[in-house]
């Protein structure tokens, strides 16, 4: 997956646009004072800055871009379920061919350690598992067939066809998701450029009006943002507890998409992750508990989103 570009601005995207627009409006009224300070500050300089701001606002949001990979996800799900069904059949064949203590190491060799994540839309884990299963079938066909009493002779070809169908769609999904991440980076990069240009102008504005408190405040970005709603830490705080005992669940792993953020809970069952403003899906994997997924989590710059999760053991 492409690396996600981080935003420089410590506010929401809308606050960036509004605050920057207000700052450049003030600049337009005070342009002669700016020109006296530095020759680059002309009316055209301000016009170009506002044009860049408007262009950035028109770049599609993550939600708009995400419609393409989401359509691939919808197509991927049934193929994944078919592959998982084949894997469950193979598990039965392995347990029949290698009874008792032999079953576990053979299942591990076939990639079943990835099953929990793979069954919870862990696309990469499923890709790894079906590839391992396919190789295991090829290398152990005779033992698995057991002279016609266990795995059908047609199963290897059926499994291989299912793997090919899944891997083809998975490759399309990854390519589309990478394009979406690139689109996110394009918008964040444009926003960062707006912020840097605006902040540079405002720093000079505070020098120009260092003896004028009222004017100086018009060129203090944090003051403008504070009037629009404020800013602070941005991210999510996850707290997990057991539904029966009420005790903290500390041994869990959280996967956060987009961005490929990963984290593990502390001894109090708490995980805090700093993230940029976006809409996220979080998957929780805790040993002994069913996988937990929550989509559509809106992270707003300046706020720590709280997610309290209660899990019940299998």
Protein backbone atom coordinates (compact mmCIF):
# COMPACT_ATOMS: atom_id res chain seq x y z
CA UNK A 1 0.00 0.00 0.00
CA UNK A 2 1.18 3.52 -0.69
CA UNK A 3 2.47 5.49 2.29
CA UNK A 4 -0.12 7.98 3.45
CA UNK A 5 1.05 11.60 3.51
CA UNK A 6 0.53 13.35 6.84
CA UNK A 7 -1.13 16.74 7.12
CA UNK A 8 0.93 19.66 8.45
CA UNK A 9 -2.07 21.67 9.61
CA UNK A 10 -3.37 21.10 13.14
CA UNK A 11 -7.02 21.69 12.34
CA UNK A 12 -9.81 20.20 10.27
CA UNK A 13 -9.68 20.47 6.52
CA UNK A 14 -12.66 22.82 6.52
CA UNK A 15 -11.04 24.96 9.23
CA UNK A 16 -7.91 25.16 7.06
CA UNK A 17 -9.93 26.42 4.11
CA UNK A 18 -11.99 28.88 6.15
CA UNK A 19 -9.10 30.24 8.21
CA UNK A 20 -6.88 30.59 5.15
CA UNK A 21 -9.66 32.34 3.25
CA UNK A 22 -10.11 34.80 6.12
CA UNK A 23 -6.37 35.44 6.29
CA UNK A 24 -6.12 36.15 2.56
CA UNK A 25 -9.15 38.42 2.76
CA UNK A 26 -7.28 40.47 5.40
CA UNK A 27 -4.20 40.41 3.18
CA UNK A 28 -6.24 41.89 0.31
CA UNK A 29 -7.16 44.86 2.50
CA UNK A 30 -3.58 45.33 3.73
CA UNK A 31 -1.67 44.47 0.54
CA UNK A 32 0.10 47.86 0.33
CA UNK A 33 1.62 47.36 3.79
CA UNK A 34 2.77 43.87 2.73
CA UNK A 35 4.27 45.21 -0.52
CA UNK A 36 6.24 47.78 1.45
CA UNK A 37 7.59 44.94 3.60
CA UNK A 38 8.51 42.51 0.78
CA UNK A 39 8.34 43.02 -2.96
CA UNK A 40 6.81 39.59 -3.61
CA UNK A 41 3.61 40.60 -1.86
CA UNK A 42 1.40 41.92 -4.63
CA UNK A 43 -2.32 41.76 -5.36
CA UNK A 44 -1.55 38.95 -7.81
CA UNK A 45 0.21 36.97 -5.07
CA UNK A 46 -2.97 36.98 -3.00
CA UNK A 47 -5.14 36.12 -6.03
CA UNK A 48 -2.92 33.10 -6.80
CA UNK A 49 -3.10 31.91 -3.18
CA UNK A 50 -6.90 32.05 -3.18
CA UNK A 51 -7.02 30.23 -6.53
CA UNK A 52 -4.85 27.43 -5.09
CA UNK A 53 -7.17 27.22 -2.08
CA UNK A 54 -10.24 26.88 -4.29
CA UNK A 55 -8.51 24.25 -6.45
CA UNK A 56 -7.64 22.17 -3.37
CA UNK A 57 -11.25 22.28 -2.19
CA UNK A 58 -12.32 20.78 -5.54
CA UNK A 59 -10.04 17.73 -5.23
CA UNK A 60 -12.36 14.76 -4.44
CA UNK A 61 -12.62 13.66 -0.82
CA UNK A 62 -11.61 10.21 0.42
CA UNK A 63 -15.26 9.12 0.42
CA UNK A 64 -15.70 10.06 -3.24
CA UNK A 65 -12.49 8.31 -4.30
CA UNK A 66 -13.21 5.28 -2.13
CA UNK A 67 -16.24 4.32 -4.22
CA UNK A 68 -13.95 2.54 -6.71
CA UNK A 69 -12.05 0.25 -4.29
CA UNK A 70 -15.30 -0.30 -2.39
CA UNK A 71 -16.86 -1.72 -5.57
CA UNK A 72 -13.93 -4.13 -5.84
CA UNK A 73 -14.40 -5.06 -2.19
CA UNK A 74 -18.02 -6.01 -2.90
CA UNK A 75 -16.80 -8.24 -5.76
CA UNK A 76 -14.00 -9.67 -3.62
CA UNK A 77 -16.19 -10.78 -0.72
CA UNK A 78 -17.98 -13.70 -2.44
CA UNK A 79 -14.71 -14.96 -3.92
CA UNK A 80 -13.13 -14.76 -0.47
CA UNK A 81 -16.01 -16.70 1.06
CA UNK A 82 -15.67 -19.40 -1.59
CA UNK A 83 -11.94 -19.67 -0.91
CA UNK A 84 -12.55 -19.85 2.84
CA UNK A 85 -15.06 -22.63 2.25
CA UNK A 86 -12.47 -24.57 0.27
CA UNK A 87 -9.95 -24.00 3.09
CA UNK A 88 -12.39 -25.41 5.65
CA UNK A 89 -12.81 -28.52 3.50
CA UNK A 90 -9.05 -28.86 3.24
CA UNK A 91 -8.81 -28.58 7.03
CA UNK A 92 -11.11 -31.58 7.33
CA UNK A 93 -9.03 -33.53 4.82
CA UNK A 94 -5.82 -32.70 6.71
CA UNK A 95 -7.28 -33.73 10.06
CA UNK A 96 -8.42 -37.00 8.51
CA UNK A 97 -5.07 -37.70 6.85
CA UNK A 98 -2.98 -36.63 9.84
CA UNK A 99 -4.88 -37.57 13.00
CA UNK A 100 -4.03 -36.67 16.59
CA UNK A 101 -0.94 -34.60 17.29
CA UNK A 102 0.07 -34.59 13.62
CA UNK A 103 -2.86 -32.38 12.61
CA UNK A 104 -1.71 -29.09 14.17
CA UNK A 105 1.75 -28.87 12.56
CA UNK A 106 0.25 -29.88 9.22
CA UNK A 107 -2.45 -27.21 9.48
CA UNK A 108 0.24 -24.65 10.30
CA UNK A 109 2.23 -25.81 7.28
CA UNK A 110 -0.88 -25.24 5.16
CA UNK A 111 -1.15 -21.64 6.42
CA UNK A 112 -4.11 -21.95 8.79
CA UNK A 113 -2.45 -19.68 11.35
CA UNK A 114 -3.81 -16.88 9.12
CA UNK A 115 -7.40 -18.13 9.19
CA UNK A 116 -8.73 -15.83 11.94
CA UNK A 117 -7.66 -12.64 10.19
CA UNK A 118 -8.42 -14.06 6.75
CA UNK A 119 -12.02 -14.77 7.77
CA UNK A 120 -12.47 -11.15 8.87
CA UNK A 121 -11.71 -9.46 5.55
CA UNK A 122 -7.97 -9.85 6.04
CA UNK A 123 -7.36 -9.84 2.30
CA UNK A 124 -3.58 -10.21 2.48
CA UNK A 125 -3.80 -12.96 5.12
CA UNK A 126 -6.29 -14.85 2.96
CA UNK A 127 -4.03 -14.41 -0.05
CA UNK A 128 -1.12 -15.89 1.91
CA UNK A 129 -3.25 -18.72 3.30
CA UNK A 130 -4.78 -19.88 0.00
CA UNK A 131 -1.34 -19.86 -1.60
CA UNK A 132 0.05 -21.99 1.25
CA UNK A 133 -2.95 -24.33 1.09
CA UNK A 134 -2.52 -24.74 -2.65
CA UNK A 135 1.15 -25.68 -2.21
CA UNK A 136 0.29 -28.06 0.64
CA UNK A 137 -2.25 -29.87 -1.56
CA UNK A 138 0.31 -30.21 -4.37
CA UNK A 139 2.99 -31.60 -2.05
CA UNK A 140 0.69 -33.94 -0.09
CA UNK A 141 -1.91 -35.10 -2.62
CA UNK A 142 -1.36 -38.81 -2.12
CA UNK A 143 -1.62 -38.65 1.68
CA UNK A 144 -4.70 -36.41 1.50
CA UNK A 145 -6.52 -38.65 -0.99
CA UNK A 146 -5.78 -41.70 1.19
CA UNK A 147 -6.47 -44.14 -1.60
CA UNK A 148 -9.80 -42.56 -2.47
CA UNK A 149 -11.19 -42.51 1.07
CA UNK A 150 -10.56 -38.84 1.89
CA UNK A 151 -9.93 -35.86 -0.43
CA UNK A 152 -11.57 -36.24 -3.89
CA UNK A 153 -9.15 -36.33 -6.80
CA UNK A 154 -11.00 -33.36 -8.34
CA UNK A 155 -10.47 -31.13 -5.31
CA UNK A 156 -6.93 -29.84 -6.16
CA UNK A 157 -8.10 -28.42 -9.51
CA UNK A 158 -11.24 -26.96 -7.90
CA UNK A 159 -9.20 -25.35 -5.13
CA UNK A 160 -6.64 -23.97 -7.61
CA UNK A 161 -9.39 -22.40 -9.74
CA UNK A 162 -10.87 -20.73 -6.67
CA UNK A 163 -7.45 -19.42 -5.68
CA UNK A 164 -6.87 -17.97 -9.15
CA UNK A 165 -10.25 -16.20 -9.14
CA UNK A 166 -9.59 -14.70 -5.71
CA UNK A 167 -6.00 -13.65 -6.45
CA UNK A 168 -7.03 -11.97 -9.72
CA UNK A 169 -9.70 -9.87 -8.02
CA UNK A 170 -7.43 -9.21 -5.02
CA UNK A 171 -4.75 -7.83 -7.35
CA UNK A 172 -7.34 -5.47 -8.88
CA UNK A 173 -8.46 -4.42 -5.40
CA UNK A 174 -4.89 -3.60 -4.30
CA UNK A 175 -4.21 -1.61 -7.48
CA UNK A 176 -7.40 0.38 -6.98
CA UNK A 177 -6.70 0.92 -3.27
CA UNK A 178 -3.22 2.22 -4.09
CA UNK A 179 -4.77 4.70 -6.53
CA UNK A 180 -7.15 5.83 -3.79
CA UNK A 181 -4.25 6.34 -1.38
CA UNK A 182 -2.47 8.35 -4.06
CA UNK A 183 -5.59 10.50 -4.43
CA UNK A 184 -5.62 11.10 -0.68
CA UNK A 185 -1.99 12.17 -0.85
CA UNK A 186 -2.79 14.58 -3.69
CA UNK A 187 -5.40 16.38 -1.60
CA UNK A 188 -3.27 16.43 1.56
CA UNK A 189 -0.28 17.70 -0.44
CA UNK A 190 -2.39 20.53 -1.87
CA UNK A 191 -3.70 21.35 1.61
CA UNK A 192 -0.16 21.35 3.03
CA UNK A 193 0.94 23.78 0.30
CA UNK A 194 -1.95 26.10 1.17
CA UNK A 195 -1.04 25.96 4.84
CA UNK A 196 2.66 26.69 4.24
CA UNK A 197 1.92 29.64 1.93
CA UNK A 198 -0.68 31.06 4.29
CA UNK A 199 1.47 30.61 7.41
CA UNK A 200 4.43 32.25 5.68
CA UNK A 201 2.32 35.29 4.81
CA UNK A 202 0.82 35.43 8.31
CA UNK A 203 4.24 35.31 9.99
CA UNK A 204 5.23 38.37 7.98
CA UNK A 205 1.89 39.96 8.83
CA UNK A 206 2.64 39.66 12.53
CA UNK A 207 5.98 41.38 11.95
CA UNK A 208 4.35 44.15 9.96
CA UNK A 209 1.77 44.73 12.70
CA UNK A 210 3.81 43.77 15.76
CA UNK A 211 2.75 47.01 17.45
CA UNK A 212 -0.91 46.65 16.49
CA UNK A 213 -2.59 43.96 18.59
CA UNK A 214 -5.86 43.96 16.64
CA UNK A 215 -4.14 43.64 13.27
CA UNK A 216 -1.64 41.09 14.58
CA UNK A 217 -4.45 38.78 15.71
CA UNK A 218 -5.84 38.77 12.17
CA UNK A 219 -2.59 37.08 11.10
CA UNK A 220 -2.41 34.51 13.91
CA UNK A 221 -3.65 31.21 12.52
CA UNK A 222 -4.35 29.59 15.90
CA UNK A 223 -6.53 32.53 16.92
CA UNK A 224 -8.66 32.20 13.79
CA UNK A 225 -9.00 28.43 14.19
CA UNK A 226 -9.92 28.82 17.86
CA UNK A 227 -12.83 31.03 16.83
CA UNK A 228 -13.90 28.31 14.35
CA UNK A 229 -13.97 25.51 16.91
CA UNK A 230 -10.51 24.98 18.28
CA UNK A 231 -7.90 22.28 17.83
CA UNK A 232 -6.08 19.67 19.89
CA UNK A 233 -4.93 16.07 19.69
CA UNK A 234 -6.27 14.08 16.76
CA UNK A 235 -6.84 10.33 16.73
CA UNK A 236 -8.64 7.53 18.51
CA UNK A 237 -8.58 6.01 21.99
CA UNK A 238 -9.66 2.35 22.08
CA UNK A 239 -10.64 0.64 25.33
CA UNK A 240 -11.59 -3.05 25.38
CA UNK A 241 -13.16 -5.00 28.22
CA UNK A 242 -14.58 -8.49 28.74
CA UNK A 243 -18.38 -8.64 28.63
CA UNK A 244 -18.62 -11.27 31.36
CA UNK A 245 -16.01 -10.12 33.87
CA UNK A 246 -15.80 -6.41 33.10
CA UNK A 247 -12.00 -6.73 33.21
CA UNK A 248 -9.72 -5.10 30.66
CA UNK A 249 -8.69 -7.11 27.61
CA UNK A 250 -5.04 -6.30 27.07
CA UNK A 251 -3.90 -8.92 24.58
CA UNK A 252 -5.33 -7.62 21.32
CA UNK A 253 -4.19 -6.21 18.02
CA UNK A 254 -5.89 -3.33 16.22
CA UNK A 255 -5.65 -2.82 12.48
CA UNK A 256 -6.76 0.58 11.16
CA UNK A 257 -7.54 1.27 7.51
CA UNK A 258 -6.79 3.31 5.47
CA UNK A 259 -3.17 3.96 6.35
CA UNK A 260 -2.19 0.48 7.57
CA UNK A 261 -1.92 1.68 11.18
CA UNK A 262 -1.29 -1.16 13.66
CA UNK A 263 -1.27 -1.18 17.44
CA UNK A 264 -1.62 -3.40 20.50
CA UNK A 265 -3.49 -2.73 23.72
CA UNK A 266 -1.66 -1.92 26.97
CA UNK A 267 -2.21 -3.70 30.28
CA UNK A 268 -5.33 -1.62 30.86
CA UNK A 269 -6.82 -2.57 27.50
CA UNK A 270 -6.16 0.92 26.12
CA UNK A 271 -4.65 1.88 22.78
CA UNK A 272 -4.24 5.47 21.60
CA UNK A 273 -3.37 6.13 17.97
CA UNK A 274 -2.71 9.58 16.50
CA UNK A 275 -4.22 9.83 13.02
CA UNK A 276 -5.08 12.39 10.39
CA UNK A 277 -8.67 13.41 9.76
CA UNK A 278 -10.38 10.74 7.68
CA UNK A 279 -13.00 7.96 7.80
CA UNK A 280 -11.59 4.69 9.14
CA UNK A 281 -12.37 1.01 9.60
CA UNK A 282 -10.95 -0.71 12.68
CA UNK A 283 -10.51 -4.47 13.09
CA UNK A 284 -9.77 -5.91 16.54
CA UNK A 285 -8.23 -9.37 16.91
CA UNK A 286 -8.08 -10.72 20.48
CA UNK A 287 -7.21 -14.32 21.32
CA UNK A 288 -10.26 -16.20 22.54
CA UNK A 289 -12.72 -13.60 21.23
CA UNK A 290 -14.51 -13.28 17.88
CA UNK A 291 -13.06 -10.68 15.51
CA UNK A 292 -14.57 -7.21 15.90
CA UNK A 293 -14.96 -4.76 13.02
CA UNK A 294 -16.30 -1.21 13.07
CA UNK A 295 -16.48 0.88 9.91
CA UNK A 296 -17.33 4.50 9.23
CA UNK A 297 -15.39 5.94 12.17
CA UNK A 298 -15.08 9.67 11.54
CA UNK A 299 -11.86 11.17 12.93
CA UNK A 300 -11.95 14.95 13.23
CA UNK A 301 -8.81 17.03 13.65
CA UNK A 302 -8.54 18.40 17.17
CA UNK A 303 -10.46 15.57 18.83
CA UNK A 304 -9.62 12.16 20.29
CA UNK A 305 -12.42 9.80 19.29
CA UNK A 306 -13.31 7.32 22.08
CA UNK A 307 -14.21 3.77 21.16
CA UNK A 308 -15.21 1.55 24.09
CA UNK A 309 -15.57 -2.07 23.02
CA UNK A 310 -17.04 -4.98 24.97
CA UNK A 311 -16.07 -8.47 23.78
CA UNK A 312 -17.52 -11.83 24.78
CA UNK A 313 -15.37 -14.94 24.70
CA UNK A 314 -16.05 -17.66 22.18
